[in-house]
N, C-alpha and C. Protein backbone atom coordinates (compact mmCIF):
# COMPACT_ATOMS: atom_id res chain seq x y z
N SER A 1 23.21 10.87 31.54
CA SER A 1 22.33 10.24 32.43
C SER A 1 20.92 11.08 32.83
N ALA A 2 20.03 10.82 33.92
CA ALA A 2 18.95 11.47 34.24
C ALA A 2 19.49 12.61 34.60
N ALA A 3 19.98 12.43 36.22
CA ALA A 3 20.89 14.35 36.60
C ALA A 3 20.59 15.38 35.31
N ASP A 4 21.36 14.87 33.85
CA ASP A 4 21.83 15.67 32.56
C ASP A 4 20.54 16.65 32.08
N PHE A 5 18.84 16.01 33.38
CA PHE A 5 17.58 16.45 32.24
C PHE A 5 17.26 17.60 33.57
N LYS A 6 18.13 18.27 34.11
CA LYS A 6 17.99 19.42 35.22
C LYS A 6 17.60 20.79 34.33
N LYS A 7 18.62 21.08 33.51
CA LYS A 7 18.59 21.86 32.21
C LYS A 7 18.34 21.56 30.97
N GLY A 8 17.97 22.17 30.09
CA GLY A 8 17.20 22.69 28.61
C GLY A 8 16.71 21.48 28.80
N ILE A 9 15.83 20.72 29.05
CA ILE A 9 14.41 19.86 29.01
C ILE A 9 13.43 20.36 28.38
N LYS A 10 12.73 19.66 27.53
CA LYS A 10 11.68 19.41 27.09
C LYS A 10 11.21 18.14 27.16
N TYR A 11 10.09 17.82 26.72
CA TYR A 11 9.01 16.65 27.03
C TYR A 11 7.92 16.89 25.71
N PHE A 12 7.88 15.73 25.72
CA PHE A 12 6.30 15.04 24.40
C PHE A 12 5.73 13.77 25.24
N VAL A 13 4.22 13.35 24.96
CA VAL A 13 3.49 12.39 25.32
C VAL A 13 3.80 11.52 24.64
N TYR A 14 4.24 10.32 24.77
CA TYR A 14 4.16 9.23 23.78
C TYR A 14 3.30 8.12 24.40
N GLN A 15 1.95 7.57 24.15
CA GLN A 15 0.74 6.19 24.93
C GLN A 15 1.14 6.89 26.54
N LYS A 16 0.38 8.40 26.39
CA LYS A 16 0.19 8.25 27.54
C LYS A 16 0.82 8.47 28.47
N ARG A 17 2.24 8.37 28.38
CA ARG A 17 3.21 9.04 29.26
C ARG A 17 4.23 9.63 29.00
N ILE A 18 4.59 11.07 29.86
CA ILE A 18 5.36 11.95 29.41
C ILE A 18 6.84 11.04 29.39
N ILE A 19 7.45 11.47 28.14
CA ILE A 19 9.09 11.60 28.10
C ILE A 19 9.52 12.56 27.76
N TRP A 20 11.17 12.86 28.17
CA TRP A 20 11.06 14.30 28.48
C TRP A 20 12.77 13.96 27.58
N TYR A 21 12.72 15.10 27.20
CA TYR A 21 14.05 14.89 26.57
C TYR A 21 14.81 16.08 26.33
N TYR A 22 16.13 16.33 26.19
CA TYR A 22 17.02 17.05 25.13
C TYR A 22 17.71 16.85 24.18
N HIS A 23 18.73 17.62 23.42
CA HIS A 23 18.99 17.55 22.39
C HIS A 23 20.60 18.54 22.05
N TYR A 24 21.89 17.27 21.61
CA TYR A 24 23.13 18.25 22.02
C TYR A 24 23.62 17.77 20.45
N THR A 25 24.99 18.39 20.59
CA THR A 25 25.36 17.60 19.28
C THR A 25 26.93 18.06 19.17
N THR A 26 27.71 17.21 18.89
CA THR A 26 29.07 17.36 18.43
C THR A 26 30.27 17.94 17.43
N ASP A 27 31.33 17.83 16.85
CA ASP A 27 31.40 18.52 15.79
C ASP A 27 30.80 17.63 14.73
N THR A 28 30.42 16.43 14.83
CA THR A 28 30.15 15.31 13.92
C THR A 28 29.25 14.97 13.83
N GLU A 29 28.57 14.64 15.37
CA GLU A 29 27.64 14.01 15.26
C GLU A 29 26.01 14.69 15.77
N ASN A 30 24.38 13.93 16.06
CA ASN A 30 23.99 14.90 16.30
C ASN A 30 23.20 13.66 17.16
N PHE A 31 22.94 14.42 18.70
CA PHE A 31 22.44 13.59 19.76
C PHE A 31 21.28 13.81 20.35
N ILE A 32 20.83 13.03 21.20
CA ILE A 32 18.78 13.09 21.66
C ILE A 32 18.96 12.30 22.99
N THR A 33 18.89 12.49 23.85
CA THR A 33 18.67 11.73 25.08
C THR A 33 16.82 11.68 25.16
N PHE A 34 16.70 10.32 25.92
CA PHE A 34 14.80 10.64 25.79
C PHE A 34 14.84 9.90 27.79
N LEU A 35 14.18 10.31 28.24
CA LEU A 35 14.00 9.60 29.88
C LEU A 35 12.38 9.14 30.21
N ASP A 36 12.22 8.25 30.26
CA ASP A 36 11.13 7.58 30.29
C ASP A 36 10.49 7.58 31.80
N GLU A 37 10.01 7.72 32.46
CA GLU A 37 10.22 8.12 34.28
C GLU A 37 9.92 6.72 34.70
N ARG A 38 8.52 6.02 34.41
CA ARG A 38 7.78 4.93 34.57
C ARG A 38 9.30 3.51 34.40
N LEU A 39 9.01 3.85 32.74
CA LEU A 39 10.70 2.88 32.95
C LEU A 39 11.60 2.44 33.72
N ARG A 40 11.99 4.14 33.79
CA ARG A 40 13.12 3.61 34.97
C ARG A 40 12.75 3.63 36.22
N VAL A 41 11.48 3.77 36.75
CA VAL A 41 11.79 3.44 38.21
C VAL A 41 11.41 1.10 37.70
N ASP A 42 10.99 1.01 36.14
CA ASP A 42 10.98 -0.71 36.56
C ASP A 42 11.90 -1.15 35.97
N GLU A 43 12.93 -0.12 35.41
CA GLU A 43 14.57 -1.17 35.20
C GLU A 43 15.41 -0.92 36.83
N GLU A 44 14.83 0.03 37.16
CA GLU A 44 15.88 0.18 39.21
C GLU A 44 14.67 -1.48 39.67
N GLN A 45 14.10 -1.35 39.80
CA GLN A 45 12.94 -2.76 40.24
C GLN A 45 13.66 -3.70 40.05
N ASP A 46 13.95 -4.18 38.76
CA ASP A 46 13.89 -5.32 37.95
C ASP A 46 15.34 -5.45 38.34
N TYR A 47 16.89 -4.68 38.19
CA TYR A 47 17.81 -4.77 38.44
C TYR A 47 18.29 -4.48 39.90
N LEU A 48 17.19 -4.77 41.49
CA LEU A 48 17.31 -4.65 42.86
C LEU A 48 17.19 -6.05 43.05
N GLN A 49 16.05 -6.73 42.31
CA GLN A 49 15.58 -7.94 42.41
C GLN A 49 16.67 -9.01 41.57
N ARG A 50 17.34 -8.72 41.11
CA ARG A 50 18.90 -9.56 40.15
C ARG A 50 19.28 -9.31 41.66
N ILE A 51 20.03 -8.87 41.38
CA ILE A 51 20.79 -8.89 42.53
C ILE A 51 20.76 -9.97 43.80
N THR A 52 19.66 -9.90 44.12
CA THR A 52 19.16 -10.66 45.30
C THR A 52 18.93 -12.07 44.30
N THR A 53 18.33 -12.44 42.78
CA THR A 53 18.82 -13.55 42.29
C THR A 53 20.13 -14.39 41.62
N GLN A 54 20.32 -12.92 41.15
CA GLN A 54 21.77 -13.02 40.14
C GLN A 54 23.13 -12.87 40.49
N PRO A 55 22.96 -13.02 42.25
CA PRO A 55 24.60 -12.09 42.36
C PRO A 55 25.78 -11.98 41.86
N ASP A 56 26.07 -13.17 41.30
CA ASP A 56 27.70 -13.04 40.15
C ASP A 56 27.73 -12.26 39.37
N SER A 57 25.79 -11.85 38.78
CA SER A 57 25.70 -10.62 37.66
C SER A 57 25.32 -9.50 38.16
N TYR A 58 25.06 -9.18 39.69
CA TYR A 58 24.70 -7.87 39.58
C TYR A 58 24.63 -7.81 41.10
N SER A 59 25.22 -6.59 41.23
CA SER A 59 25.65 -5.92 42.78
C SER A 59 24.98 -4.20 43.01
N GLU A 60 25.04 -4.22 44.72
CA GLU A 60 25.01 -2.77 45.11
C GLU A 60 26.21 -2.28 44.29
N GLU A 61 27.21 -2.53 44.50
CA GLU A 61 27.88 -1.58 44.04
C GLU A 61 27.70 -1.00 42.46
N LYS A 62 27.48 -1.87 41.70
CA LYS A 62 26.87 -1.81 40.23
C LYS A 62 25.61 -1.19 39.86
N TYR A 63 24.43 -0.98 40.48
CA TYR A 63 23.55 -0.75 40.51
C TYR A 63 23.88 1.05 40.59
N PHE A 64 24.70 1.12 41.46
CA PHE A 64 24.60 2.60 42.02
C PHE A 64 25.23 3.40 40.95
N GLU A 65 25.79 2.19 39.81
CA GLU A 65 27.10 2.88 38.75
C GLU A 65 26.37 3.56 37.71
N LYS A 66 25.28 2.26 37.98
CA LYS A 66 24.02 2.60 36.67
C LYS A 66 23.12 3.43 36.25
N LEU A 67 22.95 4.04 38.12
CA LEU A 67 21.77 4.19 38.65
C LEU A 67 20.98 5.67 37.65
N ASN A 68 22.18 6.63 36.92
CA ASN A 68 21.93 7.99 36.16
C ASN A 68 21.12 7.71 34.99
N ALA A 69 21.85 6.58 34.39
CA ALA A 69 21.66 5.22 33.38
C ALA A 69 20.16 4.60 32.93
N PHE A 70 19.52 4.76 33.90
CA PHE A 70 17.44 3.73 34.33
C PHE A 70 17.04 4.70 33.06
N GLY A 71 16.10 3.79 32.78
CA GLY A 71 14.88 5.02 32.01
C GLY A 71 15.62 5.66 30.91
N THR A 72 16.89 6.17 31.04
CA THR A 72 17.59 7.49 29.53
C THR A 72 17.73 5.79 28.27
N LEU A 73 17.32 6.94 27.29
CA LEU A 73 17.71 6.22 25.82
C LEU A 73 18.51 7.71 24.74
N THR A 74 19.68 7.18 24.70
CA THR A 74 20.50 8.00 23.72
C THR A 74 20.00 7.40 22.55
N LEU A 75 20.13 8.65 21.13
CA LEU A 75 19.61 8.22 19.70
C LEU A 75 20.96 9.33 19.27
N SER A 76 22.21 9.03 17.94
CA SER A 76 22.62 9.02 17.27
C SER A 76 21.63 9.54 15.97
N PHE A 77 21.78 10.26 15.67
CA PHE A 77 20.54 10.93 14.28
C PHE A 77 21.43 11.68 13.36
N ASN A 78 20.83 11.83 12.05
CA ASN A 78 21.44 13.21 11.29
C ASN A 78 20.37 13.52 10.95
N ILE A 79 20.19 14.94 10.93
CA ILE A 79 19.32 16.06 11.02
C ILE A 79 18.45 15.92 9.22
N LYS A 80 17.68 15.12 8.58
CA LYS A 80 17.03 15.16 7.38
C LYS A 80 15.62 15.49 7.80
N PRO A 81 15.30 16.53 6.17
CA PRO A 81 14.21 16.89 5.94
C PRO A 81 12.86 14.83 5.71
N ASN A 82 11.69 15.42 6.73
CA ASN A 82 10.88 14.73 6.54
C ASN A 82 10.73 14.53 4.64
N ALA A 83 10.57 13.34 4.27
CA ALA A 83 10.54 13.15 2.55
C ALA A 83 8.98 14.31 2.04
N GLU A 84 8.15 13.85 3.50
CA GLU A 84 6.70 14.44 2.88
C GLU A 84 6.53 15.76 3.37
N THR A 85 6.84 16.23 4.42
CA THR A 85 6.34 17.90 4.64
C THR A 85 8.23 18.58 4.48
N ASN A 86 9.39 17.78 4.14
CA ASN A 86 10.41 18.90 4.27
C ASN A 86 10.87 19.32 5.06
N VAL A 87 10.09 18.84 6.31
CA VAL A 87 10.49 19.06 7.91
C VAL A 87 11.16 18.52 8.48
N PRO A 88 11.84 18.44 9.24
CA PRO A 88 13.13 17.80 10.46
C PRO A 88 12.49 16.94 11.23
N LEU A 89 12.88 15.54 11.65
CA LEU A 89 11.51 15.06 12.28
C LEU A 89 11.82 15.71 14.11
N SER A 90 10.75 16.15 14.25
CA SER A 90 10.10 15.85 15.35
C SER A 90 11.44 15.13 16.92
N ALA A 91 11.52 15.16 17.76
CA ALA A 91 12.00 14.82 19.54
C ALA A 91 10.94 13.39 18.99
N GLY A 92 9.51 13.63 18.87
CA GLY A 92 8.50 12.60 18.98
C GLY A 92 8.47 11.29 18.37
N GLN A 93 8.76 12.10 17.16
CA GLN A 93 8.18 11.19 15.71
C GLN A 93 10.44 10.19 15.98
N LEU A 94 11.14 11.02 16.06
CA LEU A 94 12.73 10.11 16.48
C LEU A 94 12.08 9.03 16.92
N TYR A 95 11.67 9.23 17.98
CA TYR A 95 11.35 8.09 19.27
C TYR A 95 10.37 7.38 18.69
N GLU A 96 9.28 7.68 18.09
CA GLU A 96 8.02 6.75 17.86
C GLU A 96 8.99 5.85 16.71
N VAL A 97 9.78 5.94 16.21
CA VAL A 97 10.27 4.99 14.73
C VAL A 97 11.13 3.92 15.65
N TYR A 98 11.76 4.93 16.55
CA TYR A 98 12.79 4.18 17.42
C TYR A 98 12.55 2.22 17.99
N LYS A 99 10.74 3.11 18.42
CA LYS A 99 10.51 1.67 19.17
C LYS A 99 8.74 1.18 18.82
N GLN A 100 9.39 1.39 16.99
CA GLN A 100 7.98 0.71 16.21
C GLN A 100 9.16 -0.13 16.31
N ARG A 101 10.15 0.57 15.39
CA ARG A 101 11.49 -1.03 15.18
C ARG A 101 11.95 -1.73 16.60
N ASN A 102 12.15 -1.42 17.51
CA ASN A 102 11.54 -2.10 19.10
C ASN A 102 10.49 -3.31 19.49
N GLU A 103 9.78 -2.82 18.80
CA GLU A 103 8.72 -3.77 19.42
C GLU A 103 8.85 -4.72 18.16
N ILE A 104 9.07 -4.23 17.03
CA ILE A 104 8.98 -5.98 15.73
C ILE A 104 9.94 -7.23 16.24
N GLU A 105 11.73 -6.38 16.24
CA GLU A 105 12.41 -6.92 17.00
C GLU A 105 11.77 -7.58 18.04
N VAL A 106 11.84 -7.08 19.48
CA VAL A 106 10.94 -7.46 20.63
C VAL A 106 10.19 -8.85 20.55
N MET A 107 8.57 -8.63 18.91
CA MET A 107 8.44 -10.04 18.35
C MET A 107 9.60 -11.51 18.23
N PHE A 108 9.36 -10.35 17.30
CA PHE A 108 10.14 -12.08 16.85
C PHE A 108 11.36 -12.23 17.49
N ASP A 109 11.68 -12.09 18.29
CA ASP A 109 13.15 -12.04 19.55
C ASP A 109 11.96 -13.37 20.16
N SER A 110 10.69 -13.17 21.03
CA SER A 110 9.91 -13.84 21.83
C SER A 110 9.14 -14.68 21.25
N TYR A 111 8.91 -14.97 19.70
CA TYR A 111 8.80 -15.96 18.89
C TYR A 111 9.40 -17.25 18.36
N LYS A 112 11.13 -16.95 18.94
CA LYS A 112 11.90 -17.55 18.44
C LYS A 112 12.67 -18.10 20.00
N ASN A 113 12.05 -17.25 21.60
CA ASN A 113 12.54 -18.06 22.51
C ASN A 113 11.85 -19.13 22.86
N PHE A 114 10.11 -18.82 22.46
CA PHE A 114 9.07 -19.61 22.71
C PHE A 114 9.12 -20.48 22.04
N LEU A 115 9.92 -20.98 20.49
CA LEU A 115 9.79 -22.14 19.84
C LEU A 115 10.97 -22.36 20.46
N LYS A 116 12.23 -22.42 21.23
CA LYS A 116 13.41 -23.24 21.49
C LYS A 116 13.16 -23.58 22.83
N ALA A 117 12.02 -22.97 23.57
CA ALA A 117 11.66 -23.51 24.91
C ALA A 117 10.81 -23.92 24.51
N ASP A 118 9.81 -24.37 23.72
CA ASP A 118 8.27 -25.49 24.58
C ASP A 118 8.32 -25.90 22.78
N VAL A 119 8.69 -26.18 21.71
CA VAL A 119 8.73 -26.75 20.31
C VAL A 119 8.36 -28.18 20.89
N THR A 120 8.44 -28.81 21.34
CA THR A 120 7.81 -29.70 22.02
C THR A 120 6.88 -29.68 22.57
N TYR A 121 5.83 -28.88 22.94
CA TYR A 121 4.53 -28.70 23.49
C TYR A 121 3.66 -28.38 21.98
N MET A 122 4.53 -28.73 20.38
CA MET A 122 4.33 -28.64 19.47
C MET A 122 3.76 -29.63 18.80
N GLN A 123 1.93 -30.62 18.59
CA GLN A 123 1.70 -31.66 18.48
C GLN A 123 2.58 -32.40 17.16
N ASN A 124 2.99 -31.57 16.12
CA ASN A 124 3.56 -32.04 14.74
C ASN A 124 3.12 -30.66 13.79
N ARG A 125 4.06 -31.03 12.52
CA ARG A 125 4.75 -30.27 12.14
C ARG A 125 3.26 -29.49 11.38
N HIS A 126 1.93 -29.61 11.26
CA HIS A 126 1.23 -29.30 11.08
C HIS A 126 1.33 -28.40 12.01
N VAL A 127 0.36 -28.54 13.15
CA VAL A 127 0.50 -27.81 14.47
C VAL A 127 1.28 -26.76 14.25
N LEU A 128 2.52 -26.71 14.08
CA LEU A 128 3.37 -26.06 14.04
C LEU A 128 3.20 -24.60 12.98
N GLU A 129 3.49 -25.47 11.78
CA GLU A 129 2.62 -24.32 10.89
C GLU A 129 1.56 -23.67 10.92
N GLY A 130 0.92 -24.09 12.03
CA GLY A 130 -0.56 -23.21 11.84
C GLY A 130 -0.40 -22.08 12.80
N TRP A 131 1.01 -22.88 13.57
CA TRP A 131 0.51 -21.41 15.21
C TRP A 131 1.48 -20.61 14.32
N LEU A 132 2.70 -20.64 13.66
CA LEU A 132 3.45 -19.85 12.43
C LEU A 132 1.95 -18.61 12.04
N PHE A 133 1.39 -19.22 11.49
CA PHE A 133 1.36 -18.38 10.60
C PHE A 133 -0.29 -17.95 11.01
N ILE A 134 -0.94 -18.53 11.86
CA ILE A 134 -1.80 -17.44 12.76
C ILE A 134 -1.52 -16.17 13.65
N ASN A 135 0.03 -16.54 14.66
CA ASN A 135 0.92 -15.43 15.04
C ASN A 135 1.18 -14.30 14.12
N PHE A 136 1.55 -14.87 12.27
CA PHE A 136 1.98 -13.91 11.80
C PHE A 136 1.31 -12.60 11.33
N ILE A 137 -0.30 -13.47 11.11
CA ILE A 137 -1.78 -12.79 10.63
C ILE A 137 -1.29 -11.94 11.79
N ALA A 138 -1.54 -12.16 12.90
CA ALA A 138 -1.84 -11.37 14.28
C ALA A 138 -0.58 -9.52 14.28
N MET A 139 0.27 -10.30 13.98
CA MET A 139 2.06 -9.79 14.43
C MET A 139 1.81 -8.12 12.90
N VAL A 140 1.37 -8.75 11.14
CA VAL A 140 1.01 -7.97 10.55
C VAL A 140 -0.75 -7.19 10.88
N ALA A 141 -1.90 -7.70 11.29
CA ALA A 141 -2.40 -6.88 11.80
C ALA A 141 -2.82 -5.99 12.81
N TYR A 142 -1.45 -6.17 13.91
CA TYR A 142 -1.34 -5.53 14.95
C TYR A 142 -0.49 -4.07 14.50
N HIS A 143 0.18 -4.06 13.29
CA HIS A 143 0.88 -3.35 12.88
C HIS A 143 0.73 -2.14 12.21
N LYS A 144 -0.77 -2.61 11.86
CA LYS A 144 -1.29 -1.57 10.84
C LYS A 144 -2.29 -1.08 11.88
N LEU A 145 -2.59 -1.92 12.86
CA LEU A 145 -3.14 -0.76 13.66
C LEU A 145 -2.28 0.23 14.06
N PHE A 146 -0.81 0.61 14.36
CA PHE A 146 0.02 1.36 14.73
C PHE A 146 0.05 1.87 13.93
N ASP A 147 -0.30 1.45 12.26
CA ASP A 147 0.29 2.77 11.70
C ASP A 147 -1.25 3.55 11.96
N ARG A 148 -2.48 2.91 11.33
CA ARG A 148 -3.43 3.48 11.17
C ARG A 148 -3.42 4.94 12.78
N LEU A 149 -3.19 4.15 14.07
CA LEU A 149 -2.96 5.06 15.13
C LEU A 149 -2.01 6.08 14.69
N ARG A 150 -0.93 5.77 13.84
CA ARG A 150 0.29 6.94 14.01
C ARG A 150 -0.27 8.03 12.34
N ALA A 151 -1.19 8.04 11.65
CA ALA A 151 -1.98 8.27 10.41
C ALA A 151 -3.07 9.44 11.18
N ALA A 152 -3.61 8.79 12.16
CA ALA A 152 -4.36 9.40 13.02
C ALA A 152 -3.75 10.53 14.10
N ASN A 153 -2.67 10.43 14.40
CA ASN A 153 -2.09 10.73 15.26
C ASN A 153 -2.32 11.04 16.89
N LEU A 154 -2.76 9.63 17.18
CA LEU A 154 -3.23 9.31 18.31
C LEU A 154 -2.73 8.47 19.01
N LEU A 155 -1.56 7.77 18.75
CA LEU A 155 0.30 7.47 19.18
C LEU A 155 0.28 7.78 20.52
N SER A 156 0.47 8.88 20.34
CA SER A 156 0.77 9.93 22.42
C SER A 156 -0.34 9.41 23.12
N LYS A 157 -1.77 9.79 22.95
CA LYS A 157 -2.76 9.25 23.15
C LYS A 157 -3.55 8.21 23.26
N GLN A 158 -3.52 6.53 22.35
CA GLN A 158 -3.69 5.22 23.02
C GLN A 158 -2.07 4.24 21.60
N SER A 159 -2.30 3.56 22.53
CA SER A 159 -1.62 2.00 21.97
C SER A 159 -2.51 1.14 21.70
N PRO A 160 -1.86 0.21 20.30
CA PRO A 160 -2.44 -0.83 19.59
C PRO A 160 -3.22 -1.59 20.60
N LYS A 161 -2.36 -1.58 21.37
CA LYS A 161 -3.27 -2.51 23.08
C LYS A 161 -4.34 -2.26 23.37
N ASP A 162 -3.73 -0.89 23.75
CA ASP A 162 -5.62 -0.04 24.39
C ASP A 162 -7.00 -0.88 23.02
N ILE A 163 -6.57 -0.26 22.19
CA ILE A 163 -7.17 -0.79 21.10
C ILE A 163 -8.02 -1.94 21.15
N ILE A 164 -7.11 -2.93 20.86
CA ILE A 164 -7.61 -3.92 21.26
C ILE A 164 -8.64 -4.52 22.30
N GLU A 165 -7.48 -4.23 23.36
CA GLU A 165 -8.65 -4.14 25.21
C GLU A 165 -10.38 -3.18 24.39
N LEU A 166 -10.32 -2.25 24.02
CA LEU A 166 -11.58 -1.64 23.58
C LEU A 166 -12.49 -2.79 22.81
N ALA A 167 -12.12 -3.29 21.73
CA ALA A 167 -12.19 -4.06 20.88
C ALA A 167 -12.83 -5.82 21.93
N LYS A 168 -11.95 -6.01 22.94
CA LYS A 168 -12.64 -7.08 23.12
C LYS A 168 -13.69 -7.18 24.19
N ALA A 169 -14.28 -5.87 24.24
CA ALA A 169 -15.51 -5.39 25.12
C ALA A 169 -16.70 -5.35 24.23
N ILE A 170 -16.68 -5.85 23.12
CA ILE A 170 -17.70 -5.19 22.09
C ILE A 170 -18.00 -7.60 21.85
N TYR A 171 -19.38 -7.43 22.12
CA TYR A 171 -19.50 -8.59 21.91
C TYR A 171 -21.16 -9.08 21.04
N LYS A 172 -21.25 -9.41 20.95
CA LYS A 172 -23.08 -10.25 20.81
C LYS A 172 -23.95 -11.40 21.30
N MET A 173 -24.29 -10.98 21.37
CA MET A 173 -25.67 -12.14 22.28
C MET A 173 -26.99 -12.27 21.76
N ARG A 174 -27.12 -12.93 21.76
CA ARG A 174 -28.06 -13.90 21.27
C ARG A 174 -29.37 -13.53 22.41
N ILE A 175 -30.44 -13.08 21.93
CA ILE A 175 -31.99 -12.85 22.29
C ILE A 175 -33.25 -13.15 22.03
N ARG A 176 -33.69 -14.09 22.15
CA ARG A 176 -35.21 -14.89 21.39
C ARG A 176 -34.56 -15.28 19.99
N GLY A 177 -33.81 -16.16 19.64
CA GLY A 177 -33.58 -15.38 18.96
C GLY A 177 -32.70 -15.21 17.33
N GLU A 178 -32.42 -13.42 18.43
CA GLU A 178 -31.91 -12.77 16.86
C GLU A 178 -30.64 -12.39 18.04
N TRP A 179 -29.19 -12.07 17.11
CA TRP A 179 -28.87 -11.51 17.45
C TRP A 179 -28.46 -9.75 17.82
N HIS A 180 -27.65 -9.82 18.89
CA HIS A 180 -27.95 -8.28 19.14
C HIS A 180 -26.48 -8.26 19.54
N ARG A 181 -25.67 -6.10 18.95
CA ARG A 181 -24.69 -6.23 19.67
C ARG A 181 -24.13 -5.60 20.73
N SER A 182 -23.56 -5.79 21.82
CA SER A 182 -23.34 -4.81 22.53
C SER A 182 -22.95 -3.73 22.57
N GLU A 183 -23.31 -2.60 23.90
CA GLU A 183 -23.21 -0.77 22.90
C GLU A 183 -21.95 -0.73 23.15
N ILE A 184 -22.24 -0.37 22.40
CA ILE A 184 -20.18 0.91 22.23
C ILE A 184 -20.83 2.09 23.29
N PRO A 185 -19.91 2.67 23.82
CA PRO A 185 -19.11 3.97 24.62
C PRO A 185 -19.36 4.85 22.96
N ALA A 186 -19.65 5.89 23.11
CA ALA A 186 -20.01 6.95 21.74
C ALA A 186 -18.07 7.04 21.83
N ARG A 187 -17.47 7.33 23.30
CA ARG A 187 -15.97 8.05 22.93
C ARG A 187 -15.01 6.82 22.02
N VAL A 188 -15.04 5.15 22.24
CA VAL A 188 -14.90 4.12 22.03
C VAL A 188 -15.28 4.63 20.03
N LEU A 189 -16.37 4.52 19.82
CA LEU A 189 -17.13 4.54 18.76
C LEU A 189 -15.91 5.91 17.37
N LYS A 190 -16.10 6.81 18.58
CA LYS A 190 -15.08 8.29 17.93
C LYS A 190 -13.54 7.86 17.24
N ILE A 191 -12.80 7.30 18.33
CA ILE A 191 -11.69 6.78 18.43
C ILE A 191 -11.79 4.87 17.47
N PHE A 192 -12.92 4.46 17.02
CA PHE A 192 -12.89 3.49 15.71
C PHE A 192 -12.47 4.09 14.82
N GLU A 193 -13.70 5.34 15.18
CA GLU A 193 -13.80 6.42 13.31
C GLU A 193 -13.14 7.06 12.84
N LYS A 194 -12.01 7.42 13.89
CA LYS A 194 -10.82 7.79 13.79
C LYS A 194 -9.08 7.49 12.73
N ILE A 195 -9.88 6.02 13.09
CA ILE A 195 -8.78 4.76 12.86
C ILE A 195 -9.25 4.18 11.74
N GLY A 196 -10.77 4.14 10.98
CA GLY A 196 -10.59 4.32 9.96
C GLY A 196 -11.80 2.66 10.20
N ILE A 197 -12.25 2.12 11.42
CA ILE A 197 -12.92 0.79 11.70
C ILE A 197 -14.27 1.56 12.37
N ASP A 198 -15.04 1.20 10.60
CA ASP A 198 -16.43 2.03 10.93
C ASP A 198 -17.63 0.86 10.46
N TYR A 199 -17.24 -0.52 10.37
CA TYR A 199 -18.31 -1.59 10.29
C TYR A 199 -18.69 -1.71 11.24
N LEU A 200 -19.00 -1.09 12.97
CA LEU A 200 -19.42 -1.12 13.96
C LEU A 200 -20.72 -0.42 13.94
N LYS A 201 -20.82 0.08 12.71
CA LYS A 201 -22.63 0.78 13.48
C LYS A 201 -23.43 0.03 13.19
């Protein structure tokens, strides 16, 4: 629970968020518990809203029972060295691997839920196949961007969504018959260079 973080606590930064954690072992397993304060607040607020909208499943009594678990995540793992460095994975790397897997699962779930809820919106089979193809390409590009950020050790500062938002601000405009690219701040160019996006020069 969140109360267990009072001693033996450490932290790392993941995508501009401080993640607190502590590690403990039993006779047979290793455990690490993470606490994301921002997620804790979001989960608390979400639960309180559900008490009003879904009183049959959510109650004030259950809220207090779950209070210390909001925003926490516990993983059971085996301490195995990294295949490349022969060094055990750090807490940040364990958290990153879990989050990457979770993001993929959430993305697939959202696709399934969308198709189940709005399949009648698709005009025909060809439109549906086109929609799936474009989103598949987008998903591949998103995770390639994720891998580049990880390789450049930038995941603690930037997320794929951050890079996409930065890229959306870059555009071309036509002035007197000639195309001109919008100005790109040096800070943004530096980030792009670190992850191998160099065609904007």
